N, C-alpha and C. Protein backbone atom coordinates (compact mmCIF):
# COMPACT_ATOMS: atom_id res chain seq x y z
N MET A 1 47.40 -17.28 75.89
CA MET A 1 45.97 -17.28 75.63
C MET A 1 45.42 -15.87 75.78
N ILE A 2 44.47 -15.57 74.90
CA ILE A 2 43.80 -14.29 74.95
C ILE A 2 42.33 -14.55 75.28
N GLN A 3 41.76 -13.74 76.13
CA GLN A 3 40.33 -13.88 76.42
C GLN A 3 39.60 -12.70 75.78
N THR A 4 38.60 -13.02 74.95
CA THR A 4 37.86 -11.96 74.26
C THR A 4 36.75 -11.43 75.15
N ALA A 5 36.07 -10.37 74.69
CA ALA A 5 35.01 -9.73 75.47
C ALA A 5 33.86 -10.68 75.76
N ASP A 6 33.61 -11.63 74.84
CA ASP A 6 32.50 -12.56 75.06
C ASP A 6 32.91 -13.77 75.90
N GLY A 7 34.11 -13.74 76.45
CA GLY A 7 34.54 -14.79 77.36
C GLY A 7 35.24 -15.96 76.69
N LYS A 8 35.36 -15.95 75.37
CA LYS A 8 36.04 -17.05 74.68
C LYS A 8 37.54 -16.85 74.73
N ARG A 9 38.28 -17.95 74.77
CA ARG A 9 39.73 -17.88 74.84
C ARG A 9 40.32 -18.31 73.49
N HIS A 10 41.35 -17.60 73.07
CA HIS A 10 42.02 -17.87 71.79
C HIS A 10 43.52 -17.87 71.99
N HIS A 11 44.23 -18.59 71.12
CA HIS A 11 45.69 -18.57 71.15
C HIS A 11 46.19 -17.27 70.52
N THR A 12 47.30 -16.82 71.00
CA THR A 12 47.91 -15.62 70.43
C THR A 12 48.52 -15.99 69.08
N PRO A 13 48.76 -15.00 68.21
CA PRO A 13 49.38 -15.30 66.91
C PRO A 13 50.72 -16.01 67.05
N ASP A 14 51.51 -15.65 68.07
CA ASP A 14 52.80 -16.33 68.29
C ASP A 14 52.59 -17.81 68.63
N GLU A 15 51.62 -18.09 69.50
CA GLU A 15 51.33 -19.49 69.86
C GLU A 15 50.86 -20.27 68.64
N ARG A 16 50.03 -19.64 67.83
CA ARG A 16 49.53 -20.32 66.62
C ARG A 16 50.67 -20.64 65.67
N ALA A 17 51.60 -19.70 65.50
CA ALA A 17 52.75 -19.91 64.61
C ALA A 17 53.62 -21.05 65.14
N LYS A 18 53.81 -21.10 66.45
CA LYS A 18 54.62 -22.14 67.06
C LYS A 18 53.98 -23.52 66.84
N GLN A 19 52.65 -23.61 67.04
CA GLN A 19 51.94 -24.87 66.83
C GLN A 19 52.01 -25.29 65.36
N SER A 20 51.87 -24.32 64.46
CA SER A 20 51.92 -24.61 63.04
C SER A 20 53.28 -25.18 62.66
N ALA A 21 54.35 -24.54 63.16
CA ALA A 21 55.71 -25.00 62.85
C ALA A 21 55.94 -26.42 63.35
N ALA A 22 55.38 -26.74 64.51
CA ALA A 22 55.56 -28.08 65.08
C ALA A 22 54.89 -29.15 64.23
N GLN A 23 53.83 -28.79 63.52
CA GLN A 23 53.09 -29.78 62.72
C GLN A 23 53.63 -29.91 61.29
N LYS A 24 54.44 -28.96 60.85
CA LYS A 24 54.95 -28.97 59.48
C LYS A 24 55.79 -30.23 59.22
N GLY A 25 55.57 -30.84 58.06
CA GLY A 25 56.36 -32.00 57.67
C GLY A 25 55.86 -33.32 58.22
N LYS A 26 54.91 -33.29 59.14
CA LYS A 26 54.37 -34.54 59.69
C LYS A 26 53.32 -35.08 58.74
N SER A 27 53.27 -36.40 58.60
CA SER A 27 52.23 -37.01 57.78
C SER A 27 51.47 -38.04 58.63
N LEU A 28 50.22 -38.22 58.28
CA LEU A 28 49.37 -39.13 59.04
C LEU A 28 49.57 -40.56 58.57
N THR A 29 49.42 -41.51 59.47
CA THR A 29 49.53 -42.91 59.09
C THR A 29 48.28 -43.30 58.29
N PRO A 30 48.37 -44.34 57.48
CA PRO A 30 47.19 -44.78 56.72
C PRO A 30 46.00 -45.12 57.63
N GLU A 31 46.29 -45.68 58.81
CA GLU A 31 45.19 -46.02 59.74
C GLU A 31 44.49 -44.76 60.23
N HIS A 32 45.30 -43.74 60.56
CA HIS A 32 44.73 -42.48 61.05
C HIS A 32 43.90 -41.81 59.95
N ARG A 33 44.43 -41.83 58.73
CA ARG A 33 43.70 -41.25 57.60
C ARG A 33 42.37 -41.96 57.38
N ALA A 34 42.37 -43.30 57.52
CA ALA A 34 41.15 -44.07 57.34
C ALA A 34 40.12 -43.71 58.41
N LYS A 35 40.59 -43.55 59.65
CA LYS A 35 39.68 -43.18 60.74
C LYS A 35 39.07 -41.80 60.50
N LEU A 36 39.90 -40.84 60.06
CA LEU A 36 39.39 -39.50 59.76
C LEU A 36 38.36 -39.55 58.63
N SER A 37 38.64 -40.38 57.63
CA SER A 37 37.72 -40.51 56.49
C SER A 37 36.36 -41.01 56.95
N VAL A 38 36.38 -42.05 57.78
CA VAL A 38 35.12 -42.62 58.28
C VAL A 38 34.37 -41.60 59.13
N ALA A 39 35.11 -40.86 59.97
CA ALA A 39 34.48 -39.88 60.86
C ALA A 39 33.81 -38.75 60.09
N ASN A 40 34.37 -38.39 58.93
CA ASN A 40 33.84 -37.25 58.17
C ASN A 40 32.85 -37.64 57.09
N LYS A 41 32.67 -38.92 56.85
CA LYS A 41 31.73 -39.36 55.81
C LYS A 41 30.30 -39.00 56.20
N GLY A 42 29.57 -38.41 55.30
CA GLY A 42 28.17 -38.11 55.54
C GLY A 42 27.93 -36.91 56.42
N LYS A 43 28.99 -36.21 56.79
CA LYS A 43 28.83 -35.04 57.65
C LYS A 43 28.16 -33.92 56.86
N LYS A 44 27.09 -33.37 57.41
CA LYS A 44 26.36 -32.29 56.74
C LYS A 44 27.01 -30.96 57.10
N ARG A 45 27.32 -30.17 56.09
CA ARG A 45 27.90 -28.85 56.30
C ARG A 45 26.80 -27.79 56.21
N THR A 46 26.93 -26.74 57.00
CA THR A 46 25.95 -25.66 56.95
C THR A 46 26.16 -24.88 55.65
N PRO A 47 25.14 -24.18 55.17
CA PRO A 47 25.32 -23.37 53.95
C PRO A 47 26.47 -22.36 54.09
N GLU A 48 26.64 -21.80 55.30
CA GLU A 48 27.73 -20.83 55.51
C GLU A 48 29.08 -21.52 55.34
N ALA A 49 29.21 -22.72 55.92
CA ALA A 49 30.47 -23.45 55.83
C ALA A 49 30.77 -23.81 54.38
N ARG A 50 29.72 -24.22 53.65
CA ARG A 50 29.90 -24.58 52.24
C ARG A 50 30.33 -23.38 51.43
N ALA A 51 29.73 -22.21 51.73
CA ALA A 51 30.08 -20.99 51.00
C ALA A 51 31.54 -20.61 51.27
N LYS A 52 31.98 -20.75 52.54
CA LYS A 52 33.36 -20.43 52.88
C LYS A 52 34.33 -21.38 52.17
N MET A 53 33.99 -22.67 52.14
CA MET A 53 34.85 -23.65 51.47
C MET A 53 34.94 -23.34 49.99
N SER A 54 33.81 -22.99 49.40
CA SER A 54 33.77 -22.66 47.98
C SER A 54 34.64 -21.44 47.69
N ALA A 55 34.48 -20.40 48.52
CA ALA A 55 35.24 -19.16 48.32
C ALA A 55 36.74 -19.40 48.45
N SER A 56 37.13 -20.29 49.35
CA SER A 56 38.56 -20.53 49.56
C SER A 56 39.20 -21.21 48.35
N HIS A 57 38.41 -21.91 47.55
CA HIS A 57 38.95 -22.61 46.38
C HIS A 57 38.83 -21.80 45.10
N LYS A 58 38.08 -20.70 45.13
CA LYS A 58 37.89 -19.90 43.93
C LYS A 58 39.21 -19.26 43.51
N GLY A 59 39.47 -19.27 42.22
CA GLY A 59 40.67 -18.60 41.71
C GLY A 59 41.92 -19.44 41.75
N LYS A 60 41.87 -20.62 42.36
CA LYS A 60 43.06 -21.47 42.39
C LYS A 60 43.24 -22.11 41.02
N SER A 61 44.46 -22.15 40.54
CA SER A 61 44.71 -22.83 39.27
C SER A 61 45.51 -24.09 39.54
N LEU A 62 45.15 -25.15 38.86
CA LEU A 62 45.83 -26.43 39.03
C LEU A 62 46.97 -26.55 38.05
N THR A 63 48.00 -27.26 38.45
CA THR A 63 49.13 -27.48 37.54
C THR A 63 48.69 -28.43 36.44
N PRO A 64 49.35 -28.39 35.28
CA PRO A 64 48.99 -29.33 34.21
C PRO A 64 49.08 -30.79 34.64
N GLU A 65 50.06 -31.11 35.51
CA GLU A 65 50.20 -32.50 35.98
C GLU A 65 48.97 -32.90 36.81
N HIS A 66 48.52 -31.98 37.69
CA HIS A 66 47.37 -32.27 38.53
C HIS A 66 46.12 -32.44 37.67
N ARG A 67 45.95 -31.56 36.68
CA ARG A 67 44.79 -31.65 35.78
C ARG A 67 44.80 -32.98 35.02
N ALA A 68 46.00 -33.42 34.61
CA ALA A 68 46.12 -34.69 33.88
C ALA A 68 45.73 -35.86 34.78
N LYS A 69 46.14 -35.80 36.06
CA LYS A 69 45.79 -36.88 37.00
C LYS A 69 44.29 -36.94 37.21
N ILE A 70 43.65 -35.78 37.39
CA ILE A 70 42.20 -35.74 37.59
C ILE A 70 41.49 -36.30 36.35
N SER A 71 41.96 -35.89 35.18
CA SER A 71 41.35 -36.34 33.94
C SER A 71 41.45 -37.86 33.80
N ALA A 72 42.64 -38.41 34.09
CA ALA A 72 42.84 -39.86 33.98
C ALA A 72 41.94 -40.60 34.96
N SER A 73 41.84 -40.09 36.19
CA SER A 73 41.00 -40.72 37.20
C SER A 73 39.53 -40.71 36.79
N ASN A 74 39.07 -39.55 36.28
CA ASN A 74 37.68 -39.45 35.84
C ASN A 74 37.40 -40.38 34.67
N ARG A 75 38.37 -40.49 33.75
CA ARG A 75 38.18 -41.34 32.58
C ARG A 75 37.95 -42.79 33.03
N ILE A 76 38.71 -43.21 34.04
CA ILE A 76 38.58 -44.59 34.54
C ILE A 76 37.26 -44.76 35.27
N SER A 77 36.97 -43.86 36.21
CA SER A 77 35.79 -44.04 37.06
C SER A 77 34.49 -43.88 36.28
N HIS A 78 34.44 -42.95 35.31
CA HIS A 78 33.20 -42.72 34.57
C HIS A 78 32.90 -43.85 33.59
N ASN A 79 33.91 -44.66 33.26
CA ASN A 79 33.68 -45.78 32.35
C ASN A 79 33.47 -47.10 33.09
N HIS A 80 33.42 -47.06 34.41
CA HIS A 80 33.18 -48.28 35.19
C HIS A 80 31.74 -48.73 34.95
N PRO A 81 31.51 -50.03 34.74
CA PRO A 81 30.15 -50.51 34.44
C PRO A 81 29.09 -50.10 35.47
N ASP A 82 29.45 -50.11 36.75
CA ASP A 82 28.48 -49.72 37.78
C ASP A 82 28.08 -48.26 37.63
N VAL A 83 29.07 -47.41 37.41
CA VAL A 83 28.81 -45.97 37.27
C VAL A 83 27.96 -45.71 36.02
N ARG A 84 28.31 -46.39 34.93
CA ARG A 84 27.56 -46.20 33.68
C ARG A 84 26.11 -46.65 33.86
N ALA A 85 25.90 -47.74 34.60
CA ALA A 85 24.54 -48.22 34.83
C ALA A 85 23.74 -47.22 35.67
N LYS A 86 24.37 -46.64 36.70
CA LYS A 86 23.69 -45.64 37.53
C LYS A 86 23.32 -44.42 36.70
N LYS A 87 24.24 -43.97 35.85
CA LYS A 87 23.96 -42.80 35.01
C LYS A 87 22.80 -43.11 34.05
N SER A 88 22.79 -44.31 33.53
CA SER A 88 21.74 -44.70 32.60
C SER A 88 20.38 -44.68 33.28
N VAL A 89 20.32 -45.24 34.49
CA VAL A 89 19.06 -45.26 35.25
C VAL A 89 18.61 -43.83 35.57
N ALA A 90 19.58 -42.99 35.96
CA ALA A 90 19.24 -41.61 36.32
C ALA A 90 18.70 -40.83 35.13
N ALA A 91 19.20 -41.12 33.94
CA ALA A 91 18.79 -40.36 32.75
C ALA A 91 17.55 -40.95 32.07
N THR A 92 17.16 -42.15 32.44
CA THR A 92 16.03 -42.80 31.79
C THR A 92 14.76 -41.99 32.01
N GLY A 93 14.06 -41.73 30.91
CA GLY A 93 12.79 -41.00 30.99
C GLY A 93 12.93 -39.49 30.92
N ARG A 94 14.14 -38.99 31.03
CA ARG A 94 14.33 -37.54 30.94
C ARG A 94 14.30 -37.11 29.48
N THR A 95 13.70 -35.97 29.24
CA THR A 95 13.68 -35.43 27.88
C THR A 95 14.13 -33.98 27.93
N HIS A 96 14.68 -33.51 26.81
CA HIS A 96 15.09 -32.11 26.72
C HIS A 96 13.85 -31.24 26.49
N THR A 97 13.85 -30.06 27.09
CA THR A 97 12.75 -29.13 26.85
C THR A 97 12.90 -28.56 25.44
N ASP A 98 11.83 -27.95 24.94
CA ASP A 98 11.89 -27.37 23.60
C ASP A 98 12.97 -26.29 23.53
N GLN A 99 13.12 -25.53 24.60
CA GLN A 99 14.14 -24.48 24.63
C GLN A 99 15.54 -25.08 24.51
N VAL A 100 15.80 -26.17 25.22
CA VAL A 100 17.11 -26.82 25.16
C VAL A 100 17.33 -27.44 23.79
N ARG A 101 16.26 -28.03 23.24
CA ARG A 101 16.39 -28.63 21.90
C ARG A 101 16.77 -27.57 20.87
N LEU A 102 16.19 -26.38 21.02
CA LEU A 102 16.51 -25.28 20.11
C LEU A 102 17.97 -24.86 20.27
N LYS A 103 18.43 -24.76 21.52
CA LYS A 103 19.83 -24.40 21.77
C LYS A 103 20.78 -25.41 21.15
N ILE A 104 20.46 -26.70 21.30
CA ILE A 104 21.30 -27.75 20.72
C ILE A 104 21.30 -27.64 19.20
N SER A 105 20.13 -27.39 18.64
CA SER A 105 20.00 -27.26 17.19
C SER A 105 20.86 -26.11 16.68
N ILE A 106 20.77 -24.96 17.34
CA ILE A 106 21.55 -23.79 16.92
C ILE A 106 23.04 -24.07 17.04
N ALA A 107 23.44 -24.73 18.13
CA ALA A 107 24.86 -25.04 18.35
C ALA A 107 25.39 -25.98 17.27
N ASN A 108 24.55 -26.85 16.75
CA ASN A 108 24.99 -27.83 15.75
C ASN A 108 24.88 -27.35 14.32
N LYS A 109 24.26 -26.20 14.10
CA LYS A 109 24.13 -25.67 12.74
C LYS A 109 25.51 -25.43 12.16
N GLY A 110 25.71 -25.89 10.93
CA GLY A 110 26.99 -25.69 10.27
C GLY A 110 28.03 -26.74 10.61
N GLN A 111 27.71 -27.61 11.57
CA GLN A 111 28.66 -28.68 11.92
C GLN A 111 28.51 -29.83 10.92
N ARG A 112 29.61 -30.46 10.65
CA ARG A 112 29.59 -31.59 9.73
C ARG A 112 29.02 -32.81 10.45
N SER A 113 28.20 -33.59 9.77
CA SER A 113 27.60 -34.78 10.36
C SER A 113 28.69 -35.76 10.79
N TRP A 114 28.47 -36.44 11.91
CA TRP A 114 29.49 -37.32 12.47
C TRP A 114 29.87 -38.46 11.53
N ASN A 115 28.95 -38.86 10.64
CA ASN A 115 29.26 -40.00 9.77
C ASN A 115 29.45 -39.61 8.31
N LYS A 116 29.55 -38.30 8.02
CA LYS A 116 29.72 -37.86 6.64
C LYS A 116 31.08 -38.30 6.12
N GLY A 117 31.06 -39.02 5.00
CA GLY A 117 32.29 -39.46 4.38
C GLY A 117 32.90 -40.71 4.99
N ARG A 118 32.32 -41.23 6.05
CA ARG A 118 32.86 -42.44 6.67
C ARG A 118 32.20 -43.66 6.05
N THR A 119 33.01 -44.67 5.83
CA THR A 119 32.47 -45.92 5.31
C THR A 119 32.90 -47.04 6.24
N GLY A 120 32.12 -48.11 6.23
CA GLY A 120 32.48 -49.27 7.04
C GLY A 120 32.24 -49.08 8.52
N ILE A 121 31.37 -48.13 8.90
CA ILE A 121 31.12 -47.91 10.32
C ILE A 121 30.06 -48.84 10.87
N TYR A 122 29.24 -49.39 9.99
CA TYR A 122 28.20 -50.33 10.42
C TYR A 122 28.55 -51.73 9.94
N SER A 123 28.26 -52.72 10.78
CA SER A 123 28.47 -54.10 10.36
C SER A 123 27.40 -54.46 9.33
N GLU A 124 27.61 -55.55 8.65
CA GLU A 124 26.66 -55.98 7.62
C GLU A 124 25.29 -56.25 8.24
N GLU A 125 25.29 -56.87 9.42
CA GLU A 125 24.03 -57.17 10.12
C GLU A 125 23.28 -55.88 10.47
N MET A 126 24.00 -54.90 10.95
CA MET A 126 23.38 -53.63 11.33
C MET A 126 22.81 -52.92 10.09
N ARG A 127 23.54 -52.98 8.99
CA ARG A 127 23.06 -52.34 7.76
C ARG A 127 21.75 -52.97 7.30
N LYS A 128 21.67 -54.29 7.41
CA LYS A 128 20.44 -54.98 6.99
C LYS A 128 19.27 -54.58 7.89
N ARG A 129 19.54 -54.47 9.20
CA ARG A 129 18.48 -54.06 10.12
C ARG A 129 18.00 -52.64 9.82
N LYS A 130 18.96 -51.73 9.55
CA LYS A 130 18.60 -50.35 9.26
C LYS A 130 17.78 -50.27 7.97
N ILE A 131 18.20 -51.01 6.96
CA ILE A 131 17.48 -50.99 5.67
C ILE A 131 16.08 -51.60 5.88
N GLY A 132 16.00 -52.67 6.67
CA GLY A 132 14.71 -53.30 6.95
C GLY A 132 13.75 -52.36 7.63
N ARG A 133 14.22 -51.56 8.55
CA ARG A 133 13.37 -50.59 9.25
C ARG A 133 12.91 -49.48 8.32
N ALA A 134 13.79 -49.08 7.40
CA ALA A 134 13.47 -47.98 6.51
C ALA A 134 12.36 -48.35 5.54
N HIS A 135 12.23 -49.63 5.20
CA HIS A 135 11.25 -50.05 4.20
C HIS A 135 9.93 -50.51 4.81
N VAL A 136 9.78 -50.38 6.11
CA VAL A 136 8.54 -50.83 6.76
C VAL A 136 7.48 -49.77 6.67
């Protein structure tokens, strides 16, 4: 142990290396992991802690396999009916500002219309409703 000028005690680098080596290869039981999860849920982090966590992850690149797993997981969770309903409620009543509408317009200039050249995309019932609305 080392004692610093402010009276705090710290482990020496050798002690830290020894402790690290002792923990290598050990895995937590599912029960222990569940307890840790519950203990950390809702914990508020200070802005400094959040900045440090963010900085530690900057520049890391994920393997293609890891990216594929994340993508598959997101595809499943984002299409869950509960999640879709929450997103719908959150977006209800929101409108794009004129500036954003202009940006979208510029981005879409020169793009081919999504239904250009496609046939059979609307059911017969839908076509009748669309035609009925157009003639009102």
